[in-house]
N, C-alpha and C. Protein backbone atom coordinates (compact mmCIF):
# COMPACT_ATOMS: atom_id res chain seq x y z
N MET A 1 -31.78 -30.57 -153.60
CA MET A 1 -33.13 -30.48 -154.12
C MET A 1 -33.19 -30.91 -155.58
N LYS A 2 -32.22 -30.43 -156.40
CA LYS A 2 -32.20 -30.82 -157.81
C LYS A 2 -32.00 -32.31 -157.95
N LYS A 3 -31.16 -32.90 -157.11
CA LYS A 3 -30.93 -34.34 -157.18
C LYS A 3 -32.21 -35.11 -156.86
N THR A 4 -32.99 -34.62 -155.87
CA THR A 4 -34.23 -35.28 -155.50
C THR A 4 -35.24 -35.21 -156.64
N ILE A 5 -35.39 -34.06 -157.28
CA ILE A 5 -36.32 -33.91 -158.40
C ILE A 5 -35.89 -34.80 -159.55
N PHE A 6 -34.58 -34.81 -159.85
CA PHE A 6 -34.07 -35.66 -160.92
C PHE A 6 -34.33 -37.14 -160.62
N ALA A 7 -34.08 -37.56 -159.38
CA ALA A 7 -34.30 -38.95 -158.99
C ALA A 7 -35.77 -39.32 -159.12
N LEU A 8 -36.67 -38.42 -158.71
CA LEU A 8 -38.10 -38.68 -158.85
C LEU A 8 -38.50 -38.77 -160.31
N ALA A 9 -37.98 -37.88 -161.13
CA ALA A 9 -38.30 -37.89 -162.56
C ALA A 9 -37.81 -39.19 -163.21
N MET A 10 -36.61 -39.61 -162.87
CA MET A 10 -36.05 -40.83 -163.45
C MET A 10 -36.83 -42.06 -162.97
N SER A 11 -37.22 -42.10 -161.71
CA SER A 11 -37.97 -43.26 -161.23
C SER A 11 -39.33 -43.33 -161.91
N THR A 12 -39.92 -42.18 -162.22
CA THR A 12 -41.19 -42.16 -162.94
C THR A 12 -41.00 -42.70 -164.34
N VAL A 13 -39.92 -42.28 -165.03
CA VAL A 13 -39.65 -42.75 -166.38
C VAL A 13 -39.47 -44.26 -166.41
N PHE A 14 -38.72 -44.80 -165.46
CA PHE A 14 -38.41 -46.22 -165.48
C PHE A 14 -39.51 -47.10 -164.90
N THR A 15 -40.54 -46.51 -164.33
CA THR A 15 -41.64 -47.32 -163.80
C THR A 15 -42.94 -47.06 -164.56
N LEU A 16 -42.85 -46.43 -165.72
CA LEU A 16 -44.06 -46.24 -166.51
C LEU A 16 -44.63 -47.61 -166.88
N PRO A 17 -45.91 -47.78 -166.73
CA PRO A 17 -46.48 -49.09 -167.06
C PRO A 17 -46.44 -49.36 -168.56
N ALA A 18 -46.28 -50.63 -168.92
CA ALA A 18 -46.40 -51.02 -170.32
C ALA A 18 -47.86 -50.88 -170.71
N TYR A 19 -48.12 -50.76 -171.99
CA TYR A 19 -49.49 -50.56 -172.42
C TYR A 19 -49.76 -51.34 -173.69
N ALA A 20 -51.04 -51.55 -173.93
CA ALA A 20 -51.45 -52.26 -175.13
C ALA A 20 -51.11 -51.41 -176.34
N ALA A 21 -50.71 -52.08 -177.41
CA ALA A 21 -50.38 -51.37 -178.64
C ALA A 21 -50.74 -52.24 -179.83
N ASP A 22 -50.92 -51.58 -180.96
CA ASP A 22 -51.19 -52.27 -182.21
C ASP A 22 -49.91 -52.33 -183.02
N TYR A 23 -49.72 -53.46 -183.72
CA TYR A 23 -48.51 -53.71 -184.50
C TYR A 23 -48.87 -54.17 -185.90
N VAL A 24 -48.02 -53.84 -186.86
CA VAL A 24 -48.12 -54.37 -188.22
C VAL A 24 -46.96 -55.35 -188.38
N ILE A 25 -47.25 -56.53 -188.88
CA ILE A 25 -46.22 -57.53 -189.09
C ILE A 25 -45.26 -57.04 -190.17
N ASP A 26 -43.97 -57.06 -189.87
CA ASP A 26 -42.95 -56.53 -190.78
C ASP A 26 -42.55 -57.57 -191.82
N THR A 27 -43.32 -57.62 -192.91
CA THR A 27 -42.99 -58.51 -194.01
C THR A 27 -42.21 -57.78 -195.10
N GLN A 28 -42.18 -56.45 -195.04
CA GLN A 28 -41.50 -55.67 -196.07
C GLN A 28 -39.99 -55.85 -196.04
N LYS A 29 -39.44 -56.05 -194.87
CA LYS A 29 -37.99 -56.18 -194.74
C LYS A 29 -37.60 -57.59 -194.31
N ALA A 30 -38.48 -58.54 -194.60
CA ALA A 30 -38.23 -59.95 -194.30
C ALA A 30 -37.85 -60.19 -192.84
N HIS A 31 -38.65 -59.60 -191.93
CA HIS A 31 -38.45 -59.82 -190.50
C HIS A 31 -39.54 -60.71 -189.93
N ALA A 32 -40.29 -61.37 -190.80
CA ALA A 32 -41.33 -62.29 -190.37
C ALA A 32 -41.38 -63.44 -191.38
N PHE A 33 -41.67 -64.64 -190.87
CA PHE A 33 -41.62 -65.82 -191.72
C PHE A 33 -42.72 -66.80 -191.35
N ILE A 34 -43.28 -67.46 -192.35
CA ILE A 34 -44.18 -68.59 -192.15
C ILE A 34 -43.56 -69.75 -192.92
N ASP A 35 -42.92 -70.63 -192.18
CA ASP A 35 -42.24 -71.79 -192.76
C ASP A 35 -43.05 -73.05 -192.47
N PHE A 36 -42.83 -74.08 -193.28
CA PHE A 36 -43.50 -75.35 -193.03
C PHE A 36 -42.57 -76.50 -193.41
N ARG A 37 -42.93 -77.68 -192.93
CA ARG A 37 -42.24 -78.89 -193.34
C ARG A 37 -43.24 -80.04 -193.30
N ILE A 38 -42.99 -81.00 -194.16
CA ILE A 38 -43.84 -82.18 -194.26
C ILE A 38 -42.96 -83.33 -194.74
N GLN A 39 -43.27 -84.52 -194.31
CA GLN A 39 -42.48 -85.66 -194.78
C GLN A 39 -42.77 -85.92 -196.25
N HIS A 40 -41.74 -86.30 -196.97
CA HIS A 40 -41.89 -86.65 -198.38
C HIS A 40 -41.85 -88.17 -198.51
N LEU A 41 -43.03 -88.77 -198.66
CA LEU A 41 -43.18 -90.21 -198.84
C LEU A 41 -42.57 -91.04 -197.72
N GLY A 42 -42.28 -90.42 -196.59
CA GLY A 42 -41.67 -91.13 -195.48
C GLY A 42 -40.17 -91.30 -195.62
N PHE A 43 -39.56 -90.71 -196.66
CA PHE A 43 -38.13 -90.87 -196.91
C PHE A 43 -37.31 -89.70 -196.39
N SER A 44 -37.90 -88.51 -196.42
CA SER A 44 -37.16 -87.32 -196.01
C SER A 44 -38.16 -86.23 -195.67
N TRP A 45 -37.65 -85.05 -195.40
CA TRP A 45 -38.50 -83.91 -195.10
C TRP A 45 -38.43 -82.92 -196.25
N MET A 46 -39.58 -82.34 -196.59
CA MET A 46 -39.64 -81.24 -197.54
C MET A 46 -39.96 -79.98 -196.75
N SER A 47 -39.16 -78.97 -196.94
CA SER A 47 -39.38 -77.69 -196.25
C SER A 47 -39.78 -76.62 -197.26
N GLY A 48 -40.48 -75.64 -196.77
CA GLY A 48 -40.88 -74.53 -197.62
C GLY A 48 -41.35 -73.36 -196.79
N ARG A 49 -41.88 -72.39 -197.50
CA ARG A 49 -42.38 -71.19 -196.83
C ARG A 49 -43.41 -70.52 -197.71
N PHE A 50 -44.11 -69.58 -197.11
CA PHE A 50 -45.01 -68.71 -197.87
C PHE A 50 -44.34 -67.34 -197.89
N ASN A 51 -44.06 -66.86 -199.08
CA ASN A 51 -43.31 -65.62 -199.23
C ASN A 51 -44.16 -64.37 -199.02
N ASP A 52 -45.46 -64.45 -199.29
CA ASP A 52 -46.32 -63.26 -199.22
C ASP A 52 -47.43 -63.46 -198.20
N PHE A 53 -47.41 -62.63 -197.19
CA PHE A 53 -48.48 -62.61 -196.20
C PHE A 53 -48.48 -61.24 -195.53
N GLU A 54 -49.55 -60.94 -194.84
CA GLU A 54 -49.68 -59.66 -194.15
C GLU A 54 -50.53 -59.87 -192.91
N GLY A 55 -50.37 -58.96 -191.97
CA GLY A 55 -51.19 -59.09 -190.78
C GLY A 55 -50.93 -58.01 -189.76
N THR A 56 -51.78 -58.01 -188.77
CA THR A 56 -51.69 -57.06 -187.66
C THR A 56 -51.94 -57.81 -186.36
N PHE A 57 -51.44 -57.24 -185.27
CA PHE A 57 -51.77 -57.80 -183.97
C PHE A 57 -51.75 -56.71 -182.92
N SER A 58 -52.43 -56.99 -181.82
CA SER A 58 -52.43 -56.13 -180.64
C SER A 58 -51.80 -56.92 -179.52
N TYR A 59 -50.97 -56.22 -178.72
CA TYR A 59 -50.28 -56.91 -177.63
C TYR A 59 -50.13 -55.97 -176.45
N ASP A 60 -50.47 -56.48 -175.28
CA ASP A 60 -50.31 -55.75 -174.03
C ASP A 60 -49.52 -56.65 -173.07
N PRO A 61 -48.25 -56.31 -172.78
CA PRO A 61 -47.46 -57.17 -171.91
C PRO A 61 -48.03 -57.31 -170.50
N GLU A 62 -48.85 -56.35 -170.07
CA GLU A 62 -49.48 -56.43 -168.76
C GLU A 62 -50.73 -57.31 -168.77
N ASN A 63 -51.29 -57.52 -169.96
CA ASN A 63 -52.51 -58.31 -170.10
C ASN A 63 -52.45 -59.10 -171.41
N PRO A 64 -51.53 -60.08 -171.50
CA PRO A 64 -51.35 -60.79 -172.77
C PRO A 64 -52.59 -61.55 -173.23
N GLU A 65 -53.48 -61.90 -172.31
CA GLU A 65 -54.70 -62.59 -172.69
C GLU A 65 -55.61 -61.74 -173.58
N ALA A 66 -55.42 -60.42 -173.58
CA ALA A 66 -56.23 -59.52 -174.40
C ALA A 66 -55.65 -59.35 -175.81
N SER A 67 -54.59 -60.06 -176.13
CA SER A 67 -53.96 -59.93 -177.44
C SER A 67 -54.89 -60.42 -178.55
N LYS A 68 -54.61 -59.94 -179.76
CA LYS A 68 -55.37 -60.34 -180.95
C LYS A 68 -54.40 -60.38 -182.13
N ILE A 69 -54.68 -61.25 -183.10
CA ILE A 69 -53.88 -61.29 -184.32
C ILE A 69 -54.76 -61.72 -185.48
N ASP A 70 -54.44 -61.18 -186.65
CA ASP A 70 -55.11 -61.55 -187.89
C ASP A 70 -54.04 -61.58 -188.98
N VAL A 71 -53.87 -62.75 -189.62
CA VAL A 71 -52.85 -62.92 -190.65
C VAL A 71 -53.49 -63.51 -191.89
N LYS A 72 -53.21 -62.91 -193.03
CA LYS A 72 -53.70 -63.38 -194.33
C LYS A 72 -52.50 -63.82 -195.15
N ILE A 73 -52.56 -65.06 -195.69
CA ILE A 73 -51.46 -65.65 -196.45
C ILE A 73 -51.86 -65.81 -197.90
N ASP A 74 -51.00 -65.35 -198.81
CA ASP A 74 -51.18 -65.60 -200.24
C ASP A 74 -50.64 -67.01 -200.50
N VAL A 75 -51.55 -67.97 -200.63
CA VAL A 75 -51.16 -69.38 -200.73
C VAL A 75 -50.35 -69.64 -202.00
N ALA A 76 -50.58 -68.86 -203.05
CA ALA A 76 -49.82 -69.04 -204.30
C ALA A 76 -48.35 -68.68 -204.13
N SER A 77 -47.99 -68.06 -203.02
CA SER A 77 -46.59 -67.69 -202.79
C SER A 77 -45.80 -68.84 -202.17
N VAL A 78 -46.38 -70.06 -202.16
CA VAL A 78 -45.68 -71.23 -201.62
C VAL A 78 -44.34 -71.39 -202.34
N ASP A 79 -43.30 -71.66 -201.57
CA ASP A 79 -41.94 -71.72 -202.13
C ASP A 79 -41.18 -72.85 -201.44
N THR A 80 -40.91 -73.93 -202.20
CA THR A 80 -40.13 -75.05 -201.69
C THR A 80 -38.75 -75.10 -202.34
N ASN A 81 -38.39 -74.04 -203.02
CA ASN A 81 -37.10 -73.95 -203.70
C ASN A 81 -37.01 -74.90 -204.90
N PHE A 82 -38.18 -75.24 -205.48
CA PHE A 82 -38.21 -76.08 -206.68
C PHE A 82 -39.48 -75.71 -207.44
N ALA A 83 -39.32 -74.95 -208.54
CA ALA A 83 -40.45 -74.34 -209.25
C ALA A 83 -41.49 -75.35 -209.72
N GLU A 84 -41.06 -76.49 -210.23
CA GLU A 84 -42.03 -77.48 -210.71
C GLU A 84 -42.88 -78.04 -209.57
N ARG A 85 -42.27 -78.29 -208.43
CA ARG A 85 -43.02 -78.79 -207.27
C ARG A 85 -43.99 -77.71 -206.79
N ASP A 86 -43.54 -76.44 -206.77
CA ASP A 86 -44.41 -75.36 -206.32
C ASP A 86 -45.63 -75.23 -207.23
N LYS A 87 -45.42 -75.37 -208.53
CA LYS A 87 -46.53 -75.32 -209.48
C LYS A 87 -47.50 -76.47 -209.20
N HIS A 88 -46.97 -77.65 -208.97
CA HIS A 88 -47.79 -78.83 -208.66
C HIS A 88 -48.58 -78.60 -207.36
N LEU A 89 -47.93 -78.06 -206.34
CA LEU A 89 -48.63 -77.78 -205.08
C LEU A 89 -49.76 -76.77 -205.29
N ARG A 90 -49.49 -75.71 -206.07
CA ARG A 90 -50.52 -74.69 -206.32
C ARG A 90 -51.73 -75.27 -207.05
N GLU A 91 -51.45 -76.08 -208.09
CA GLU A 91 -52.54 -76.56 -208.94
C GLU A 91 -53.25 -77.79 -208.39
N GLN A 92 -52.51 -78.78 -207.89
CA GLN A 92 -53.09 -80.06 -207.53
C GLN A 92 -53.53 -80.17 -206.07
N PHE A 93 -52.85 -79.49 -205.19
CA PHE A 93 -53.17 -79.65 -203.77
C PHE A 93 -53.84 -78.41 -203.18
N LEU A 94 -53.21 -77.27 -203.33
CA LEU A 94 -53.74 -76.05 -202.72
C LEU A 94 -54.85 -75.41 -203.56
N GLU A 95 -54.89 -75.72 -204.85
CA GLU A 95 -55.90 -75.17 -205.77
C GLU A 95 -56.05 -73.66 -205.58
N THR A 96 -54.94 -72.97 -205.76
CA THR A 96 -54.89 -71.54 -205.45
C THR A 96 -55.77 -70.68 -206.35
N ALA A 97 -56.13 -71.16 -207.54
CA ALA A 97 -57.05 -70.38 -208.39
C ALA A 97 -58.40 -70.24 -207.71
N GLU A 98 -58.83 -71.30 -207.03
CA GLU A 98 -60.12 -71.27 -206.34
C GLU A 98 -60.01 -70.78 -204.89
N PHE A 99 -58.88 -71.10 -204.25
CA PHE A 99 -58.69 -70.75 -202.84
C PHE A 99 -57.38 -69.97 -202.69
N PRO A 100 -57.36 -68.70 -203.05
CA PRO A 100 -56.10 -67.95 -203.11
C PRO A 100 -55.49 -67.58 -201.75
N ASP A 101 -56.30 -67.57 -200.69
CA ASP A 101 -55.81 -67.10 -199.40
C ASP A 101 -56.02 -68.14 -198.31
N ALA A 102 -55.14 -68.11 -197.34
CA ALA A 102 -55.34 -68.79 -196.07
C ALA A 102 -55.37 -67.68 -195.02
N ARG A 103 -55.97 -67.96 -193.87
CA ARG A 103 -56.08 -66.91 -192.85
C ARG A 103 -56.12 -67.52 -191.46
N PHE A 104 -55.44 -66.83 -190.54
CA PHE A 104 -55.56 -67.17 -189.12
C PHE A 104 -56.06 -65.94 -188.40
N THR A 105 -57.15 -66.11 -187.65
CA THR A 105 -57.71 -65.03 -186.82
C THR A 105 -57.87 -65.56 -185.41
N SER A 106 -57.23 -64.89 -184.46
CA SER A 106 -57.29 -65.36 -183.08
C SER A 106 -58.68 -65.17 -182.49
N THR A 107 -59.01 -66.05 -181.57
CA THR A 107 -60.25 -65.92 -180.81
C THR A 107 -59.96 -65.62 -179.35
N ASN A 108 -58.83 -66.14 -178.83
CA ASN A 108 -58.39 -65.76 -177.49
C ASN A 108 -56.97 -66.25 -177.24
N PHE A 109 -56.38 -65.73 -176.18
CA PHE A 109 -55.04 -66.11 -175.75
C PHE A 109 -55.12 -66.58 -174.31
N GLU A 110 -54.30 -67.57 -173.98
CA GLU A 110 -54.28 -68.10 -172.62
C GLU A 110 -52.83 -68.13 -172.13
N GLN A 111 -52.55 -67.38 -171.07
CA GLN A 111 -51.21 -67.32 -170.50
C GLN A 111 -50.92 -68.59 -169.71
N GLN A 112 -49.77 -69.23 -169.98
CA GLN A 112 -49.34 -70.42 -169.27
C GLN A 112 -48.37 -70.03 -168.16
N ALA A 113 -48.21 -70.88 -167.17
CA ALA A 113 -47.33 -70.60 -166.03
C ALA A 113 -45.88 -70.40 -166.46
N ASP A 114 -45.45 -71.06 -167.55
CA ASP A 114 -44.06 -70.94 -168.01
C ASP A 114 -43.83 -69.73 -168.90
N GLY A 115 -44.85 -68.88 -169.08
CA GLY A 115 -44.71 -67.69 -169.91
C GLY A 115 -45.19 -67.87 -171.34
N THR A 116 -45.40 -69.11 -171.75
CA THR A 116 -45.93 -69.38 -173.09
C THR A 116 -47.36 -68.90 -173.17
N LEU A 117 -47.72 -68.38 -174.33
CA LEU A 117 -49.11 -68.01 -174.61
C LEU A 117 -49.70 -69.06 -175.54
N LEU A 118 -50.88 -69.56 -175.22
CA LEU A 118 -51.60 -70.41 -176.16
C LEU A 118 -52.48 -69.50 -177.00
N MET A 119 -52.12 -69.36 -178.27
CA MET A 119 -52.88 -68.53 -179.19
C MET A 119 -53.92 -69.43 -179.85
N LYS A 120 -55.18 -69.17 -179.55
CA LYS A 120 -56.27 -69.97 -180.09
C LYS A 120 -57.00 -69.15 -181.14
N GLY A 121 -57.39 -69.82 -182.21
CA GLY A 121 -58.09 -69.09 -183.25
C GLY A 121 -58.64 -70.01 -184.32
N ASP A 122 -59.06 -69.39 -185.41
CA ASP A 122 -59.61 -70.10 -186.56
C ASP A 122 -58.64 -70.00 -187.72
N PHE A 123 -58.29 -71.16 -188.29
CA PHE A 123 -57.40 -71.22 -189.44
C PHE A 123 -58.21 -71.67 -190.63
N THR A 124 -58.18 -70.88 -191.70
CA THR A 124 -58.89 -71.19 -192.93
C THR A 124 -57.87 -71.52 -194.01
N LEU A 125 -58.05 -72.67 -194.63
CA LEU A 125 -57.19 -73.13 -195.72
C LEU A 125 -58.06 -73.94 -196.67
N HIS A 126 -57.91 -73.71 -197.97
CA HIS A 126 -58.63 -74.50 -198.97
C HIS A 126 -60.14 -74.40 -198.76
N GLY A 127 -60.60 -73.25 -198.28
CA GLY A 127 -62.02 -73.01 -198.08
C GLY A 127 -62.61 -73.63 -196.83
N VAL A 128 -61.78 -74.23 -195.99
CA VAL A 128 -62.25 -74.89 -194.76
C VAL A 128 -61.68 -74.14 -193.56
N THR A 129 -62.54 -73.87 -192.58
CA THR A 129 -62.11 -73.20 -191.35
C THR A 129 -62.23 -74.16 -190.18
N ARG A 130 -61.13 -74.26 -189.44
CA ARG A 130 -61.09 -75.15 -188.28
C ARG A 130 -60.34 -74.45 -187.15
N PRO A 131 -60.64 -74.84 -185.90
CA PRO A 131 -59.89 -74.24 -184.78
C PRO A 131 -58.43 -74.70 -184.79
N MET A 132 -57.56 -73.81 -184.34
CA MET A 132 -56.13 -74.13 -184.26
C MET A 132 -55.57 -73.49 -183.00
N ILE A 133 -54.65 -74.19 -182.35
CA ILE A 133 -53.95 -73.66 -181.17
C ILE A 133 -52.47 -73.60 -181.51
N ILE A 134 -51.87 -72.44 -181.26
CA ILE A 134 -50.45 -72.25 -181.53
C ILE A 134 -49.77 -71.77 -180.25
N PRO A 135 -48.93 -72.57 -179.62
CA PRO A 135 -48.15 -72.08 -178.49
C PRO A 135 -47.10 -71.08 -178.99
N VAL A 136 -47.08 -69.89 -178.40
CA VAL A 136 -46.12 -68.86 -178.83
C VAL A 136 -45.33 -68.34 -177.63
N GLU A 137 -44.11 -67.92 -177.93
CA GLU A 137 -43.25 -67.32 -176.93
C GLU A 137 -42.76 -65.98 -177.44
N LYS A 138 -42.71 -65.02 -176.55
CA LYS A 138 -42.15 -63.73 -176.93
C LYS A 138 -40.64 -63.87 -177.03
N VAL A 139 -40.09 -63.41 -178.15
CA VAL A 139 -38.64 -63.44 -178.36
C VAL A 139 -38.01 -62.21 -177.72
N GLY A 140 -38.64 -61.06 -177.91
CA GLY A 140 -38.12 -59.82 -177.33
C GLY A 140 -38.91 -58.63 -177.81
N GLU A 141 -38.64 -57.48 -177.22
CA GLU A 141 -39.26 -56.24 -177.65
C GLU A 141 -38.39 -55.06 -177.25
N GLY A 142 -38.56 -53.95 -177.98
CA GLY A 142 -37.80 -52.75 -177.66
C GLY A 142 -37.66 -51.83 -178.85
N ASP A 143 -36.90 -50.77 -178.64
CA ASP A 143 -36.66 -49.78 -179.69
C ASP A 143 -35.78 -50.38 -180.78
N ASP A 144 -36.07 -50.03 -182.03
CA ASP A 144 -35.23 -50.48 -183.13
C ASP A 144 -34.32 -49.34 -183.59
N PRO A 145 -33.35 -49.59 -184.45
CA PRO A 145 -32.40 -48.55 -184.88
C PRO A 145 -33.02 -47.47 -185.76
N TRP A 146 -34.27 -47.66 -186.20
CA TRP A 146 -34.89 -46.72 -187.13
C TRP A 146 -35.93 -45.83 -186.45
N GLY A 147 -35.94 -45.81 -185.14
CA GLY A 147 -36.85 -44.94 -184.41
C GLY A 147 -38.20 -45.56 -184.10
N GLY A 148 -38.37 -46.82 -184.37
CA GLY A 148 -39.63 -47.51 -184.10
C GLY A 148 -39.51 -48.39 -182.87
N TYR A 149 -40.59 -49.08 -182.59
CA TYR A 149 -40.63 -50.02 -181.47
C TYR A 149 -41.16 -51.33 -182.01
N ARG A 150 -40.52 -52.45 -181.64
CA ARG A 150 -40.87 -53.75 -182.18
C ARG A 150 -41.06 -54.77 -181.07
N VAL A 151 -41.83 -55.80 -181.41
CA VAL A 151 -41.95 -56.98 -180.55
C VAL A 151 -42.01 -58.20 -181.46
N GLY A 152 -41.38 -59.28 -181.01
CA GLY A 152 -41.33 -60.49 -181.83
C GLY A 152 -41.76 -61.72 -181.07
N PHE A 153 -42.38 -62.64 -181.80
CA PHE A 153 -42.88 -63.90 -181.24
C PHE A 153 -42.50 -65.06 -182.14
N GLN A 154 -42.39 -66.24 -181.56
CA GLN A 154 -42.15 -67.46 -182.31
C GLN A 154 -43.15 -68.51 -181.84
N GLY A 155 -43.65 -69.28 -182.79
CA GLY A 155 -44.59 -70.35 -182.45
C GLY A 155 -44.50 -71.51 -183.42
N GLU A 156 -44.92 -72.66 -182.95
CA GLU A 156 -44.95 -73.86 -183.80
C GLU A 156 -46.23 -74.62 -183.53
N THR A 157 -46.78 -75.19 -184.61
CA THR A 157 -47.98 -76.01 -184.50
C THR A 157 -47.99 -76.98 -185.66
N SER A 158 -49.02 -77.79 -185.74
CA SER A 158 -49.17 -78.70 -186.86
C SER A 158 -50.65 -78.90 -187.13
N PHE A 159 -50.95 -79.41 -188.33
CA PHE A 159 -52.32 -79.74 -188.67
C PHE A 159 -52.32 -80.90 -189.66
N ILE A 160 -53.45 -81.57 -189.75
CA ILE A 160 -53.63 -82.69 -190.67
C ILE A 160 -54.24 -82.14 -191.96
N ILE A 161 -53.59 -82.43 -193.07
CA ILE A 161 -53.99 -81.85 -194.36
C ILE A 161 -55.41 -82.25 -194.74
N GLU A 162 -55.77 -83.50 -194.53
CA GLU A 162 -57.11 -83.95 -194.92
C GLU A 162 -58.22 -83.21 -194.18
N ASP A 163 -57.92 -82.65 -193.01
CA ASP A 163 -58.92 -81.85 -192.29
C ASP A 163 -59.36 -80.63 -193.08
N TYR A 164 -58.58 -80.26 -194.08
CA TYR A 164 -58.88 -79.09 -194.91
C TYR A 164 -59.27 -79.50 -196.33
N ASP A 165 -59.79 -80.71 -196.46
CA ASP A 165 -60.29 -81.24 -197.74
C ASP A 165 -59.24 -81.20 -198.85
N ILE A 166 -58.00 -81.45 -198.50
CA ILE A 166 -56.92 -81.55 -199.49
C ILE A 166 -56.55 -83.02 -199.58
N ASP A 167 -56.65 -83.58 -200.78
CA ASP A 167 -56.39 -85.00 -200.98
C ASP A 167 -54.90 -85.24 -201.14
N VAL A 168 -54.32 -85.91 -200.18
CA VAL A 168 -52.90 -86.25 -200.25
C VAL A 168 -52.71 -87.76 -200.17
N SER A 169 -53.74 -88.51 -200.58
CA SER A 169 -53.68 -89.96 -200.49
C SER A 169 -52.51 -90.55 -201.28
N LYS A 170 -52.10 -89.89 -202.35
CA LYS A 170 -50.99 -90.39 -203.15
C LYS A 170 -49.64 -90.21 -202.46
N LEU A 171 -49.60 -89.40 -201.44
CA LEU A 171 -48.32 -89.12 -200.77
C LEU A 171 -47.98 -90.12 -199.68
N GLY A 172 -48.94 -90.92 -199.26
CA GLY A 172 -48.66 -91.92 -198.24
C GLY A 172 -49.00 -91.44 -196.85
N PRO A 173 -49.12 -92.38 -195.90
CA PRO A 173 -49.57 -92.05 -194.54
C PRO A 173 -48.62 -91.15 -193.76
N SER A 174 -47.35 -91.15 -194.10
CA SER A 174 -46.40 -90.32 -193.35
C SER A 174 -46.45 -88.86 -193.78
N SER A 175 -47.18 -88.56 -194.85
CA SER A 175 -47.22 -87.19 -195.38
C SER A 175 -48.56 -86.52 -195.14
N GLN A 176 -49.17 -86.79 -194.00
CA GLN A 176 -50.49 -86.24 -193.70
C GLN A 176 -50.44 -85.01 -192.79
N GLU A 177 -49.33 -84.83 -192.09
CA GLU A 177 -49.24 -83.76 -191.10
C GLU A 177 -48.26 -82.68 -191.56
N VAL A 178 -48.73 -81.43 -191.53
CA VAL A 178 -47.89 -80.29 -191.86
C VAL A 178 -47.48 -79.60 -190.57
N PHE A 179 -46.20 -79.32 -190.44
CA PHE A 179 -45.68 -78.59 -189.28
C PHE A 179 -45.41 -77.16 -189.68
N LEU A 180 -45.96 -76.21 -188.94
CA LEU A 180 -45.78 -74.78 -189.21
C LEU A 180 -44.84 -74.18 -188.17
N ILE A 181 -43.93 -73.33 -188.65
CA ILE A 181 -43.02 -72.58 -187.79
C ILE A 181 -43.24 -71.11 -188.10
N LEU A 182 -43.68 -70.35 -187.11
CA LEU A 182 -44.04 -68.95 -187.31
C LEU A 182 -43.05 -68.05 -186.56
N SER A 183 -42.47 -67.12 -187.28
CA SER A 183 -41.60 -66.11 -186.67
C SER A 183 -42.19 -64.76 -187.05
N ILE A 184 -42.73 -64.07 -186.07
CA ILE A 184 -43.48 -62.84 -186.34
C ILE A 184 -42.82 -61.68 -185.60
N GLU A 185 -42.49 -60.63 -186.35
CA GLU A 185 -41.96 -59.40 -185.76
C GLU A 185 -42.87 -58.25 -186.19
N GLY A 186 -43.37 -57.52 -185.22
CA GLY A 186 -44.29 -56.43 -185.53
C GLY A 186 -43.72 -55.08 -185.17
N ILE A 187 -44.13 -54.06 -185.94
CA ILE A 187 -43.74 -52.67 -185.71
C ILE A 187 -44.93 -51.95 -185.08
N ARG A 188 -44.70 -51.34 -183.93
CA ARG A 188 -45.79 -50.63 -183.24
C ARG A 188 -46.25 -49.45 -184.07
N GLN A 189 -47.55 -49.30 -184.14
CA GLN A 189 -48.15 -48.20 -184.91
C GLN A 189 -48.45 -47.01 -184.03
């Protein structure tokens, strides 16, 4: 009898349904990244990242289409590992004094047959808001060593700089497209 009760209790524990939860993106311990790359005059690639950003998301593994995300980026935190270039990017291209933040807010998610989620939303940069689609994949989820629960996603997309009223005509035709690489890890609240 005890074995039967124990077996029933254990089967209940292991078949509990997953549920929707809210997460805060873990930027405090550098477990989330927004990286970018762009061609430099057609000769090489310039890579960088935004060091300061924050955001939240909701995720339900049983209903991923109901997910939501909102991320705010401090554009002045651009970091290409070269201070003079970063200053030039802030002042001449990103104009961070006038446009200090960029933001992505999802509008919907679409589950693909291969498990990829198409994250659709509005991306605002340099005072211009345009639709953006980011294919994302879940990296993993589970308990962390500190008593919390985490889930992580990775996605990549690109956009044309001129679509955001940023003049890059001096950089040449090969330097018009920015590639974004997003690595997001959230802590369940």
